[in-house]
Amino acid sequence: MDNVEYLSFENSKKRKRFFNLVLLSLILLLLISIVLSVSIGSLKVDPSLSYRILINKLFGITIGDPLELTNNANYNIIWMIRFPRVLLAIVVGAGLALCGAIMQATVQNPLAEPYILGISSGASLGATFSIMLGVGSFNFLSMQGTSFWAFAGALASSLMVLILASLGSKISSVKLVLAGTVVNALCNSLSNFIISMASNAEGMQTVKFWTMGSLASAKWDNLLFPSIVVILCCIFFILQSRNLNLLLMGDESAITLGINLSFYRKLYMVITSLLTGVLVSVCGIIGFVGLIIPHIVRAFIGSDHKNLTPIVILFGSTFMIWADVIARIAIPNSELSIGIITSLVGSPLFVYMLVKKSYGFN
């Protein structure tokens, strides 16, 4: 018995060391990715110069000749255009990956993702309504025009799904998925109806680009609100690792431990819906990030959310940075929608998960 306990203790220490190594490696990779990504584009910048500009602006530390930094033409390109875009990529990647991990645990479905509650179709309906009908803009928590209506559509569709899933009896994962499918079909039909009635060719192109996702709208004045929301949600769900693990074990285990998982399931659904709605409102619909990132991390780290959640956040941020870089440089003098890049990566992995019958959470 002592040998068994000793081996268990040693295995626990090895897992902890491995987790710490992965965590530190991802933090370092994220920092390197930030410097490299602001240096890559139609106008290439020396990474050492990008590093010195960022250090100067963020911490007030001047490395080298100060005139070289402030008088350089690349100064405004890096600080005013590329760096806000990289920060938005970090926020969106972390948020979508986190939502995917939480959603998969909440509905106990390895193929769940942030848009399972019809959030994407509701946001599309709101954006289509604003773009095609030229509805007047609003200014609400740094969200303007299309962003406001996309958030409103995402929020309305999420509430509709939760209401439908709670009718008759308690909310279950199956009812949530079915209600999400119904709301998704309804919102898509209404969006297509608006497009057909409006007959606006330019508006159609705008809607098409928006529904495939883009980080081109990133500016300093619209970063604060989504950043705060994502940071708060990350902290909250990192602290909820025990309940998330119990969700994977099932309601019977939770009842034995005296925990009301029905309450937590509703709470997590509402929070992830709000977070996804905020993210969709600023960048459009970026698919597959919330689906594939948790699975990739789970394959290496395991299903314990105490370790899974922080790694998912860091990996999602890094993945989104490089997906945006590819979207910016894939076509000379043009830009691909970032949703195309994430779909090209995510689709093969999605098919792999479908055909691998032995796949699960454990």
Protein backbone atom coordinates (compact mmCIF):
# COMPACT_ATOMS: atom_id res chain seq x y z
CA MET A 1 0.00 0.00 0.00
CA ASP A 2 2.87 2.34 0.81
CA ASN A 3 4.39 1.62 -2.61
CA VAL A 4 1.11 2.44 -4.31
CA GLU A 5 0.84 5.73 -2.45
CA TYR A 6 4.46 6.55 -3.26
CA LEU A 7 3.96 5.85 -6.98
CA SER A 8 0.79 7.95 -6.99
CA PHE A 9 2.66 10.80 -5.33
CA GLU A 10 5.51 10.56 -7.84
CA ASN A 11 3.07 10.55 -10.78
CA SER A 12 1.35 13.60 -9.34
CA LYS A 13 4.69 15.42 -9.10
CA LYS A 14 5.55 14.50 -12.69
CA ARG A 15 2.19 15.77 -13.96
CA LYS A 16 2.65 19.02 -12.06
CA ARG A 17 6.16 19.52 -13.46
CA PHE A 18 4.91 18.80 -16.96
CA PHE A 19 2.03 21.27 -16.55
CA ASN A 20 4.40 23.99 -15.28
CA LEU A 21 6.74 23.37 -18.21
CA VAL A 22 3.90 23.62 -20.73
CA LEU A 23 2.53 26.74 -19.03
CA LEU A 24 5.88 28.57 -19.08
CA SER A 25 6.54 27.45 -22.68
CA LEU A 26 3.18 28.80 -23.86
CA ILE A 27 3.70 32.12 -22.08
CA LEU A 28 7.11 32.47 -23.77
CA LEU A 29 5.64 31.43 -27.13
CA LEU A 30 2.86 33.99 -26.75
CA LEU A 31 5.33 36.81 -26.04
CA ILE A 32 7.49 35.83 -29.03
CA SER A 33 4.39 35.58 -31.22
CA ILE A 34 3.36 39.13 -30.28
CA VAL A 35 6.72 40.59 -31.35
CA LEU A 36 6.89 38.57 -34.57
CA SER A 37 3.28 39.18 -35.57
CA VAL A 38 3.57 42.98 -35.38
CA SER A 39 6.66 42.70 -37.59
CA ILE A 40 4.96 40.68 -40.34
CA GLY A 41 2.75 42.27 -42.97
CA SER A 42 2.77 44.05 -46.30
CA LEU A 43 5.51 46.21 -44.78
CA LYS A 44 8.05 44.04 -42.96
CA VAL A 45 9.68 45.42 -39.83
CA ASP A 46 12.79 44.19 -38.06
CA PRO A 47 11.60 42.24 -34.97
CA SER A 48 14.26 43.94 -32.84
CA LEU A 49 12.80 47.34 -33.76
CA SER A 50 9.27 46.09 -33.02
CA TYR A 51 10.44 44.82 -29.64
CA ARG A 52 12.05 48.16 -28.75
CA ILE A 53 8.95 50.12 -29.83
CA LEU A 54 6.63 47.94 -27.74
CA ILE A 55 8.91 48.11 -24.69
CA ASN A 56 9.11 51.90 -25.06
CA LYS A 57 5.33 52.36 -25.29
CA LEU A 58 4.33 49.79 -22.68
CA PHE A 59 6.95 50.40 -19.99
CA GLY A 60 8.59 53.72 -20.93
CA ILE A 61 11.96 51.99 -21.33
CA THR A 62 14.10 53.24 -24.20
CA ILE A 63 16.50 50.75 -25.74
CA GLY A 64 18.91 52.28 -28.23
CA ASP A 65 18.54 55.66 -29.92
CA PRO A 66 15.20 57.28 -28.86
CA LEU A 67 15.04 59.28 -32.11
CA GLU A 68 15.18 56.05 -34.07
CA LEU A 69 12.04 54.90 -32.31
CA THR A 70 9.86 58.00 -32.39
CA ASN A 71 10.89 59.25 -35.84
CA ASN A 72 10.63 55.88 -37.52
CA ALA A 73 7.76 55.48 -40.00
CA ASN A 74 7.09 52.03 -38.56
CA TYR A 75 6.30 53.50 -35.13
CA ASN A 76 2.65 54.33 -35.89
CA ILE A 77 2.15 51.18 -38.00
CA ILE A 78 3.18 48.94 -35.13
CA TRP A 79 1.58 50.80 -32.23
CA MET A 80 -1.60 52.19 -33.83
CA ILE A 81 -2.51 49.45 -36.33
CA ARG A 82 -0.84 46.10 -35.75
CA PHE A 83 -0.52 45.93 -31.96
CA PRO A 84 -4.23 46.62 -31.26
CA ARG A 85 -5.03 43.89 -33.79
CA VAL A 86 -2.71 41.44 -32.02
CA LEU A 87 -4.29 42.30 -28.67
CA LEU A 88 -7.76 41.68 -30.11
CA ALA A 89 -6.52 38.34 -31.48
CA ILE A 90 -5.32 37.41 -27.98
CA VAL A 91 -8.64 38.41 -26.42
CA VAL A 92 -10.78 36.66 -29.05
CA GLY A 93 -8.65 33.51 -29.14
CA ALA A 94 -8.64 33.18 -25.36
CA GLY A 95 -12.37 33.88 -25.11
CA LEU A 96 -13.51 31.48 -27.84
CA ALA A 97 -11.21 28.67 -26.69
CA LEU A 98 -12.40 29.13 -23.10
CA CYS A 99 -16.05 29.11 -24.16
CA GLY A 100 -15.47 25.92 -26.13
CA ALA A 101 -13.92 24.12 -23.16
CA ILE A 102 -16.70 25.25 -20.81
CA MET A 103 -19.44 24.39 -23.30
CA GLN A 104 -18.06 20.90 -23.89
CA ALA A 105 -18.07 20.23 -20.15
CA THR A 106 -21.48 21.81 -19.60
CA VAL A 107 -23.38 19.85 -22.27
CA GLN A 108 -21.12 16.78 -21.88
CA ASN A 109 -20.53 16.68 -25.62
CA PRO A 110 -17.01 16.60 -27.11
CA LEU A 111 -18.29 18.23 -30.31
CA ALA A 112 -19.83 21.25 -28.57
CA GLU A 113 -18.52 24.73 -29.35
CA PRO A 114 -19.35 28.36 -28.43
CA TYR A 115 -21.99 28.77 -31.14
CA ILE A 116 -24.04 25.73 -30.11
CA LEU A 117 -26.78 27.92 -28.61
CA GLY A 118 -27.50 29.69 -31.88
CA ILE A 119 -25.31 32.64 -30.88
CA SER A 120 -23.63 32.89 -34.28
CA SER A 121 -26.91 32.88 -36.20
CA GLY A 122 -28.42 35.43 -33.80
CA ALA A 123 -25.39 37.70 -34.22
CA SER A 124 -25.61 37.29 -38.00
CA LEU A 125 -29.25 38.29 -37.90
CA GLY A 126 -28.45 41.40 -35.86
CA ALA A 127 -25.56 42.36 -38.15
CA THR A 128 -27.62 41.73 -41.28
CA PHE A 129 -30.44 43.82 -39.87
CA SER A 130 -28.02 46.72 -39.27
CA ILE A 131 -26.08 46.47 -42.55
CA MET A 132 -28.86 45.72 -45.03
CA LEU A 133 -31.52 48.03 -43.59
CA GLY A 134 -29.17 50.85 -42.61
CA VAL A 135 -30.47 51.01 -39.05
CA GLY A 136 -29.13 53.95 -37.04
CA SER A 137 -26.04 53.34 -34.94
CA PHE A 138 -25.82 53.21 -31.18
CA ASN A 139 -22.94 53.69 -28.79
CA PHE A 140 -23.07 51.20 -25.95
CA LEU A 141 -19.96 50.12 -24.00
CA SER A 142 -17.71 50.98 -26.98
CA MET A 143 -19.95 49.00 -29.36
CA GLN A 144 -21.27 50.98 -32.29
CA GLY A 145 -23.53 50.28 -35.24
CA THR A 146 -23.17 46.71 -36.49
CA SER A 147 -21.35 45.58 -33.33
CA PHE A 148 -24.23 46.70 -31.12
CA TRP A 149 -26.87 44.93 -33.21
CA ALA A 150 -24.74 41.78 -33.49
CA PHE A 151 -24.43 41.65 -29.71
CA ALA A 152 -28.16 42.25 -29.31
CA GLY A 153 -28.94 39.43 -31.76
CA ALA A 154 -26.55 37.04 -30.02
CA LEU A 155 -28.02 37.85 -26.63
CA ALA A 156 -31.62 37.46 -27.86
CA SER A 157 -30.93 34.10 -29.50
CA SER A 158 -29.17 32.79 -26.36
CA LEU A 159 -32.08 33.79 -24.16
CA MET A 160 -34.52 32.16 -26.59
CA VAL A 161 -32.55 28.89 -26.47
CA LEU A 162 -32.42 28.89 -22.67
CA ILE A 163 -36.16 29.57 -22.45
CA LEU A 164 -37.01 26.80 -24.94
CA ALA A 165 -34.71 24.32 -23.20
CA SER A 166 -36.30 25.02 -19.81
CA LEU A 167 -39.88 24.45 -20.93
CA GLY A 168 -41.66 21.40 -19.53
CA SER A 169 -38.88 20.12 -17.29
CA LYS A 170 -35.36 20.89 -16.15
CA ILE A 171 -32.70 21.91 -18.64
CA SER A 172 -30.69 19.04 -20.13
CA SER A 173 -27.78 18.97 -22.53
CA VAL A 174 -29.90 17.30 -25.21
CA LYS A 175 -32.63 19.94 -24.94
CA LEU A 176 -30.05 22.72 -25.16
CA VAL A 177 -28.57 21.30 -28.36
CA LEU A 178 -32.00 20.79 -29.95
CA ALA A 179 -33.20 24.26 -28.94
CA GLY A 180 -29.98 25.74 -30.35
CA THR A 181 -30.61 23.96 -33.66
CA VAL A 182 -34.15 25.36 -33.88
CA VAL A 183 -33.09 28.93 -33.08
CA ASN A 184 -30.16 28.65 -35.49
CA ALA A 185 -32.48 27.65 -38.33
CA LEU A 186 -34.95 30.44 -37.48
CA CYS A 187 -32.30 33.18 -37.35
CA ASN A 188 -30.68 32.01 -40.60
CA SER A 189 -34.06 32.10 -42.33
CA LEU A 190 -34.75 35.63 -41.11
CA SER A 191 -31.26 36.76 -42.21
CA ASN A 192 -31.79 35.34 -45.70
CA PHE A 193 -35.22 36.97 -45.85
CA ILE A 194 -33.75 40.40 -45.03
CA ILE A 195 -31.01 39.95 -47.63
CA SER A 196 -33.56 38.94 -50.28
CA MET A 197 -35.84 41.89 -49.54
CA ALA A 198 -33.08 44.51 -49.32
CA SER A 199 -31.39 43.73 -52.69
CA ASN A 200 -28.24 45.60 -51.68
CA ALA A 201 -25.17 44.18 -53.47
CA GLU A 202 -22.68 46.17 -51.42
CA GLY A 203 -24.44 45.24 -48.21
CA MET A 204 -24.36 41.56 -49.21
CA GLN A 205 -20.57 41.69 -49.54
CA THR A 206 -20.29 43.38 -46.14
CA VAL A 207 -22.49 40.73 -44.52
CA LYS A 208 -20.50 37.96 -46.21
CA PHE A 209 -17.18 39.36 -44.96
CA TRP A 210 -18.57 39.89 -41.45
CA THR A 211 -19.95 36.35 -41.14
CA MET A 212 -16.49 34.91 -41.92
CA GLY A 213 -14.81 36.96 -39.20
CA SER A 214 -12.11 39.61 -39.23
CA LEU A 215 -9.91 41.47 -36.76
CA ALA A 216 -9.53 44.49 -39.05
CA SER A 217 -11.81 46.61 -36.84
CA ALA A 218 -9.32 46.49 -33.95
CA LYS A 219 -8.66 49.93 -32.50
CA TRP A 220 -7.54 51.16 -29.12
CA ASP A 221 -10.98 52.62 -28.36
CA ASN A 222 -12.85 49.31 -28.82
CA LEU A 223 -10.45 46.97 -26.98
CA LEU A 224 -11.18 47.82 -23.36
CA PHE A 225 -14.67 46.35 -22.95
CA PRO A 226 -14.07 42.90 -24.55
CA SER A 227 -10.70 42.66 -22.78
CA ILE A 228 -12.25 43.24 -19.36
CA VAL A 229 -15.04 40.73 -20.05
CA VAL A 230 -12.59 38.04 -21.20
CA ILE A 231 -10.22 38.59 -18.25
CA LEU A 232 -13.05 38.37 -15.72
CA CYS A 233 -14.45 35.22 -17.35
CA CYS A 234 -11.01 33.61 -17.45
CA ILE A 235 -10.49 34.25 -13.74
CA PHE A 236 -13.99 33.01 -12.90
CA PHE A 237 -13.73 29.73 -14.80
CA ILE A 238 -10.21 28.98 -13.58
CA LEU A 239 -11.68 29.13 -10.07
CA GLN A 240 -14.55 26.81 -11.12
CA SER A 241 -12.35 23.84 -12.06
CA ARG A 242 -13.85 21.51 -9.41
CA ASN A 243 -17.43 22.06 -10.58
CA LEU A 244 -16.42 21.70 -14.22
CA ASN A 245 -14.80 18.35 -13.45
CA LEU A 246 -17.98 17.24 -11.71
CA LEU A 247 -20.01 18.19 -14.78
CA LEU A 248 -18.00 15.65 -16.76
CA MET A 249 -18.66 12.97 -14.13
CA GLY A 250 -22.42 13.40 -14.33
CA ASP A 251 -25.28 14.52 -12.11
CA GLU A 252 -25.26 11.41 -9.91
CA SER A 253 -21.75 12.08 -8.65
CA ALA A 254 -22.67 15.72 -8.06
CA ILE A 255 -25.76 14.78 -6.04
CA THR A 256 -23.62 12.47 -3.90
CA LEU A 257 -21.33 15.40 -3.13
CA GLY A 258 -24.27 17.72 -2.46
CA ILE A 259 -23.65 20.07 -5.40
CA ASN A 260 -26.50 21.52 -7.49
CA LEU A 261 -25.10 21.09 -10.98
CA SER A 262 -28.34 22.26 -12.58
CA PHE A 263 -27.72 25.74 -11.17
CA TYR A 264 -24.09 25.78 -12.30
CA ARG A 265 -25.02 24.48 -15.74
CA LYS A 266 -27.43 27.40 -16.22
CA LEU A 267 -24.91 29.88 -14.80
CA TYR A 268 -22.12 28.69 -17.10
CA MET A 269 -24.43 28.77 -20.11
CA VAL A 270 -25.45 32.37 -19.42
CA ILE A 271 -21.85 33.53 -18.87
CA THR A 272 -20.46 31.79 -21.97
CA SER A 273 -23.36 33.11 -24.05
CA LEU A 274 -22.66 36.69 -22.96
CA LEU A 275 -18.93 36.27 -23.54
CA THR A 276 -19.45 34.78 -27.00
CA GLY A 277 -21.89 37.56 -27.86
CA VAL A 278 -19.33 40.21 -26.91
CA LEU A 279 -16.60 38.53 -28.99
CA VAL A 280 -18.83 38.05 -32.02
CA SER A 281 -19.86 41.70 -31.90
CA VAL A 282 -16.26 42.90 -32.32
CA CYS A 283 -14.85 40.37 -34.79
CA GLY A 284 -17.70 38.56 -36.52
CA ILE A 285 -18.05 34.79 -36.54
CA ILE A 286 -14.78 32.86 -36.29
CA GLY A 287 -15.52 29.16 -36.35
CA PHE A 288 -13.74 26.04 -35.09
CA VAL A 289 -11.51 27.83 -32.53
CA GLY A 290 -13.74 26.86 -29.62
CA LEU A 291 -14.07 23.34 -30.99
CA ILE A 292 -10.52 22.30 -31.82
CA ILE A 293 -8.38 24.13 -29.23
CA PRO A 294 -9.84 22.38 -26.13
CA HIS A 295 -9.40 18.98 -27.81
CA ILE A 296 -5.79 19.63 -28.77
CA VAL A 297 -4.97 20.76 -25.24
CA ARG A 298 -6.94 17.91 -23.64
CA ALA A 299 -4.90 15.38 -25.63
CA PHE A 300 -1.69 16.57 -23.93
CA ILE A 301 -2.81 17.96 -20.57
CA GLY A 302 -5.77 15.76 -19.70
CA SER A 303 -9.34 16.58 -18.75
CA ASP A 304 -8.71 18.12 -15.31
CA HIS A 305 -9.96 21.71 -15.71
CA LYS A 306 -7.52 22.97 -13.09
CA ASN A 307 -4.79 22.42 -15.68
CA LEU A 308 -6.90 22.47 -18.84
CA THR A 309 -8.43 25.94 -18.51
CA PRO A 310 -5.25 28.11 -18.29
CA ILE A 311 -3.53 26.14 -21.06
CA VAL A 312 -6.59 26.46 -23.31
CA ILE A 313 -6.58 30.23 -22.78
CA LEU A 314 -2.90 30.62 -23.69
CA PHE A 315 -3.01 28.22 -26.62
CA GLY A 316 -6.16 29.82 -28.03
CA SER A 317 -4.53 33.26 -27.90
CA THR A 318 -1.38 32.08 -29.68
CA PHE A 319 -3.37 30.17 -32.30
CA MET A 320 -5.49 33.22 -33.10
CA ILE A 321 -2.43 35.47 -33.47
CA TRP A 322 -0.92 33.25 -36.14
CA ALA A 323 -4.26 32.62 -37.86
CA ASP A 324 -4.58 36.40 -38.25
CA VAL A 325 -1.02 36.68 -39.54
CA ILE A 326 -1.78 34.10 -42.24
CA ALA A 327 -5.03 35.90 -43.10
CA ARG A 328 -3.09 39.17 -43.56
CA ILE A 329 -0.25 37.84 -45.73
CA ALA A 330 -1.85 34.94 -47.67
CA ILE A 331 -2.93 37.21 -50.53
CA PRO A 332 -0.65 40.13 -51.51
CA ASN A 333 -2.31 43.55 -51.09
CA SER A 334 -5.47 41.94 -49.78
CA GLU A 335 -6.79 40.15 -46.70
CA LEU A 336 -8.59 36.87 -46.17
CA SER A 337 -11.31 36.49 -43.58
CA ILE A 338 -9.79 34.85 -40.54
CA GLY A 339 -12.70 32.41 -40.40
CA ILE A 340 -11.42 30.86 -43.63
CA ILE A 341 -8.05 30.09 -42.02
CA THR A 342 -9.53 28.62 -38.84
CA SER A 343 -11.98 26.53 -40.87
CA LEU A 344 -9.22 25.14 -43.10
CA VAL A 345 -7.38 24.03 -39.96
CA GLY A 346 -10.45 22.98 -38.00
CA SER A 347 -12.34 20.98 -40.63
CA PRO A 348 -9.82 18.11 -40.93
CA LEU A 349 -9.56 17.89 -37.14
CA PHE A 350 -13.35 17.90 -36.84
CA VAL A 351 -13.60 14.99 -39.29
CA TYR A 352 -10.87 13.17 -37.36
CA MET A 353 -12.85 13.52 -34.12
CA LEU A 354 -15.99 12.21 -35.81
CA VAL A 355 -14.36 9.06 -37.19
CA LYS A 356 -12.34 8.28 -34.06
CA LYS A 357 -15.01 6.31 -32.22
CA SER A 358 -12.97 5.90 -29.05
CA TYR A 359 -12.74 9.64 -28.48
CA GLY A 360 -14.01 11.02 -25.19
CA PHE A 361 -13.26 13.43 -22.38
CA ASN A 362 -11.04 11.09 -20.41
